[in-house]
Amino acid sequence: MSAPIVKLFTQPNFAWTDIRKEEEAHPRHYLAHLLLLALIPPVCLFIGTTYVGWSLAENETVKLSAASALQLSVLLYVSIMVGVAVIGMFIRWMSRTFDARPTLNQCIGFAAYTVTPFFVAGLAGLYPSRWLAILVLGAASVYSTFLLFVGLPTFMHERKEQGLLNAACVWGVALLVLVTVLVEMILIWFNVLSPEYLRATVG
């Protein structure tokens, strides 16, 4: 894990300054971060749903077939890419209202770094559990929101008041985009790909 990523969790204020410098010096610097870390949720979900499984009833374990789990993982990965790109586009579009002039790459990069807690939270996919997922995703949501409000004024070189207002707008749009993309992904998986479940009795 690179130094800026570690700083996002230990010194977020300094992390955003370093990330902005990297993006200005090397456009598309965020791509490696996005492409690699976005693999964590789908890979962990594949392992968890095929090898560990989950329980819907006592003494019964449900798993996915390898083919269905692979389809879900690929869909999730593509959804992450699309979601981050769309959020980045909206950030760039809304930045015009606040007299900021970031490039599209910078905006997508900012979105990619902001959702890093969700990438890390993907480790919970190794052990499929409704309550664990709620807990971990809730924590990731809170910290991503914190990163957004702390980072946007610094990353966009905006005054603090403008940055906070811009961040509030981005938060609302990002929530809508993420929900829409994930719902579409689930609908495609259920209605088009028809997942195959494997049930086994325990004990």
Protein backbone atom coordinates (compact mmCIF):
# COMPACT_ATOMS: atom_id res chain seq x y z
CA MET A 1 0.00 0.00 0.00
CA SER A 2 1.52 3.35 -1.04
CA ALA A 3 2.29 6.16 1.39
CA PRO A 4 -0.64 8.39 0.29
CA ILE A 5 -3.07 5.52 0.89
CA VAL A 6 -1.71 4.93 4.39
CA LYS A 7 -1.98 8.66 5.06
CA LEU A 8 -5.65 8.62 4.04
CA PHE A 9 -6.27 6.58 7.20
CA THR A 10 -3.66 8.18 9.46
CA GLN A 11 -3.18 11.78 8.27
CA PRO A 12 -5.97 12.56 5.78
CA ASN A 13 -5.26 16.29 5.67
CA PHE A 14 -1.67 15.73 4.51
CA ALA A 15 -2.70 12.84 2.25
CA TRP A 16 -4.86 15.04 0.03
CA THR A 17 -2.02 17.51 -0.48
CA ASP A 18 0.31 14.69 -1.55
CA ILE A 19 -2.32 13.15 -3.81
CA ARG A 20 -3.03 16.47 -5.53
CA LYS A 21 0.69 16.98 -6.20
CA GLU A 22 0.98 13.47 -7.65
CA GLU A 23 -2.04 14.00 -9.90
CA GLU A 24 -0.68 17.33 -11.15
CA ALA A 25 2.73 15.83 -11.87
CA HIS A 26 1.49 12.53 -13.30
CA PRO A 27 -2.00 12.57 -14.86
CA ARG A 28 -3.88 9.30 -14.40
CA HIS A 29 -1.68 8.47 -11.41
CA TYR A 30 -4.86 7.27 -9.70
CA LEU A 31 -5.46 4.49 -12.23
CA ALA A 32 -3.19 1.94 -10.55
CA HIS A 33 -4.86 2.68 -7.21
CA LEU A 34 -8.34 2.32 -8.67
CA LEU A 35 -7.74 -0.76 -10.83
CA LEU A 36 -5.91 -2.71 -8.12
CA LEU A 37 -7.77 -1.77 -4.94
CA ALA A 38 -11.14 -2.16 -6.68
CA LEU A 39 -10.27 -5.85 -7.04
CA ILE A 40 -10.53 -6.38 -3.26
CA PRO A 41 -14.37 -6.47 -3.01
CA PRO A 42 -15.03 -8.77 -6.02
CA VAL A 43 -12.17 -11.17 -5.24
CA CYS A 44 -13.14 -11.45 -1.57
CA LEU A 45 -16.80 -11.83 -2.51
CA PHE A 46 -15.93 -14.64 -4.92
CA ILE A 47 -13.98 -16.49 -2.23
CA GLY A 48 -16.60 -15.93 0.43
CA THR A 49 -19.59 -16.99 -1.65
CA THR A 50 -17.96 -20.09 -3.13
CA TYR A 51 -15.86 -21.44 -0.25
CA VAL A 52 -17.47 -20.11 2.94
CA GLY A 53 -21.13 -19.48 2.12
CA TRP A 54 -23.83 -18.11 4.37
CA SER A 55 -26.74 -19.46 6.39
CA LEU A 56 -30.40 -18.62 5.76
CA ALA A 57 -31.73 -21.40 7.98
CA GLU A 58 -30.36 -23.44 10.83
CA ASN A 59 -28.03 -26.27 9.77
CA GLU A 60 -28.00 -25.12 6.16
CA THR A 61 -25.19 -23.42 4.26
CA VAL A 62 -25.79 -21.66 0.96
CA LYS A 63 -23.03 -21.04 -1.58
CA LEU A 64 -22.82 -19.87 -5.15
CA SER A 65 -21.55 -21.96 -8.00
CA ALA A 66 -18.15 -20.82 -9.26
CA ALA A 67 -19.73 -19.56 -12.50
CA SER A 68 -22.36 -17.48 -10.70
CA ALA A 69 -19.84 -16.08 -8.23
CA LEU A 70 -17.54 -15.12 -11.10
CA GLN A 71 -20.40 -13.35 -12.87
CA LEU A 72 -21.23 -11.44 -9.68
CA SER A 73 -17.59 -10.50 -9.12
CA VAL A 74 -17.11 -9.24 -12.68
CA LEU A 75 -20.34 -7.24 -12.47
CA LEU A 76 -19.25 -5.73 -9.17
CA TYR A 77 -15.85 -4.75 -10.56
CA VAL A 78 -17.39 -3.14 -13.64
CA SER A 79 -19.95 -1.36 -11.44
CA ILE A 80 -17.17 0.07 -9.28
CA MET A 81 -15.36 1.38 -12.37
CA VAL A 82 -18.53 2.91 -13.81
CA GLY A 83 -19.61 4.36 -10.47
CA VAL A 84 -16.27 6.06 -9.79
CA ALA A 85 -16.08 7.44 -13.34
CA VAL A 86 -19.62 8.85 -13.21
CA ILE A 87 -19.03 10.41 -9.80
CA GLY A 88 -15.84 11.98 -11.14
CA MET A 89 -17.77 13.43 -14.09
CA PHE A 90 -20.33 14.94 -11.75
CA ILE A 91 -17.58 16.39 -9.53
CA ARG A 92 -16.07 18.12 -12.56
CA TRP A 93 -19.44 19.39 -13.72
CA MET A 94 -20.34 20.75 -10.29
CA SER A 95 -16.91 22.30 -9.76
CA ARG A 96 -17.74 24.88 -12.43
CA THR A 97 -20.39 26.31 -10.10
CA PHE A 98 -17.73 26.90 -7.46
CA ASP A 99 -15.18 28.49 -9.82
CA ALA A 100 -12.85 25.50 -9.73
CA ARG A 101 -11.24 24.18 -12.90
CA PRO A 102 -10.00 20.64 -12.22
CA THR A 103 -9.46 18.24 -15.09
CA LEU A 104 -11.68 15.21 -15.57
CA ASN A 105 -8.78 12.94 -14.60
CA GLN A 106 -8.27 14.84 -11.36
CA CYS A 107 -11.96 14.54 -10.51
CA ILE A 108 -12.09 10.80 -11.22
CA GLY A 109 -8.89 10.42 -9.21
CA PHE A 110 -10.43 12.28 -6.29
CA ALA A 111 -13.47 10.01 -6.43
CA ALA A 112 -11.24 6.92 -6.54
CA TYR A 113 -9.30 7.94 -3.44
CA THR A 114 -12.44 9.02 -1.58
CA VAL A 115 -14.05 5.58 -1.90
CA THR A 116 -10.90 3.80 -0.71
CA PRO A 117 -12.61 2.81 2.59
CA PHE A 118 -15.15 0.84 0.55
CA PHE A 119 -12.32 -1.03 -1.18
CA VAL A 120 -10.84 -1.98 2.18
CA ALA A 121 -14.30 -2.88 3.51
CA GLY A 122 -14.49 -5.41 0.69
CA LEU A 123 -12.38 -7.73 2.85
CA ALA A 124 -15.60 -8.48 4.74
CA GLY A 125 -16.73 -10.39 1.65
CA LEU A 126 -14.48 -13.25 2.77
CA TYR A 127 -17.10 -14.07 5.39
CA PRO A 128 -20.58 -13.38 3.98
CA SER A 129 -22.78 -12.10 6.78
CA ARG A 130 -25.61 -9.60 6.65
CA TRP A 131 -24.74 -7.99 9.98
CA LEU A 132 -21.01 -7.87 9.27
CA ALA A 133 -21.71 -6.27 5.90
CA ILE A 134 -23.97 -3.64 7.49
CA LEU A 135 -21.37 -2.84 10.15
CA VAL A 136 -18.39 -2.66 7.80
CA LEU A 137 -20.18 -0.77 5.02
CA GLY A 138 -21.58 1.66 7.58
CA ALA A 139 -18.09 2.39 8.88
CA ALA A 140 -16.78 2.77 5.33
CA SER A 141 -19.59 5.19 4.49
CA VAL A 142 -18.80 7.35 7.51
CA TYR A 143 -15.08 7.50 6.77
CA SER A 144 -15.57 8.12 3.04
CA THR A 145 -17.86 11.03 3.93
CA PHE A 146 -15.16 12.35 6.25
CA LEU A 147 -12.54 12.07 3.49
CA LEU A 148 -14.86 13.87 1.09
CA PHE A 149 -15.48 16.86 3.35
CA VAL A 150 -11.86 17.09 4.47
CA GLY A 151 -10.34 16.53 1.06
CA LEU A 152 -12.45 18.40 -1.47
CA PRO A 153 -11.46 21.96 -0.44
CA THR A 154 -7.77 20.97 -0.47
CA PHE A 155 -7.88 18.93 -3.65
CA MET A 156 -9.87 21.52 -5.61
CA HIS A 157 -8.02 24.54 -4.17
CA GLU A 158 -11.29 26.01 -2.95
CA ARG A 159 -12.06 28.23 0.01
CA LYS A 160 -13.23 26.18 2.97
CA GLU A 161 -16.82 27.46 2.81
CA GLN A 162 -17.08 26.74 -0.91
CA GLY A 163 -15.43 23.37 -0.47
CA LEU A 164 -17.86 22.26 2.22
CA LEU A 165 -20.87 23.29 0.14
CA ASN A 166 -19.42 21.56 -2.91
CA ALA A 167 -18.73 18.45 -0.82
CA ALA A 168 -22.34 18.37 0.37
CA CYS A 169 -23.54 18.48 -3.25
CA VAL A 170 -21.07 15.77 -4.28
CA TRP A 171 -22.16 13.58 -1.36
CA GLY A 172 -25.80 13.69 -2.47
CA VAL A 173 -24.98 12.95 -6.11
CA ALA A 174 -22.51 10.19 -5.19
CA LEU A 175 -25.09 8.46 -3.02
CA LEU A 176 -27.61 8.53 -5.87
CA VAL A 177 -25.05 7.23 -8.38
CA LEU A 178 -23.87 4.38 -6.14
CA VAL A 179 -27.38 3.23 -5.32
CA THR A 180 -28.43 3.37 -8.98
CA VAL A 181 -25.36 1.47 -10.23
CA LEU A 182 -25.59 -1.24 -7.55
CA VAL A 183 -29.32 -1.74 -8.06
CA GLU A 184 -28.79 -2.09 -11.82
CA MET A 185 -25.99 -4.59 -11.18
CA ILE A 186 -28.16 -6.71 -8.89
CA LEU A 187 -31.09 -6.65 -11.33
CA ILE A 188 -28.85 -7.78 -14.20
CA TRP A 189 -27.37 -10.55 -12.08
CA PHE A 190 -30.74 -11.85 -10.88
CA ASN A 191 -32.86 -11.40 -14.00
CA VAL A 192 -30.38 -11.91 -16.83
CA LEU A 193 -27.66 -14.20 -15.49
CA SER A 194 -29.85 -16.31 -13.17
CA PRO A 195 -27.47 -17.17 -10.29
CA GLU A 196 -27.06 -20.80 -9.26
CA TYR A 197 -27.20 -21.56 -5.52
CA LEU A 198 -25.72 -24.61 -3.86
CA ARG A 199 -27.33 -25.67 -0.57
CA ALA A 200 -25.75 -28.06 1.89
CA THR A 201 -27.02 -29.40 5.21
CA VAL A 202 -24.62 -29.05 8.12
CA GLY A 203 -24.40 -31.71 10.83
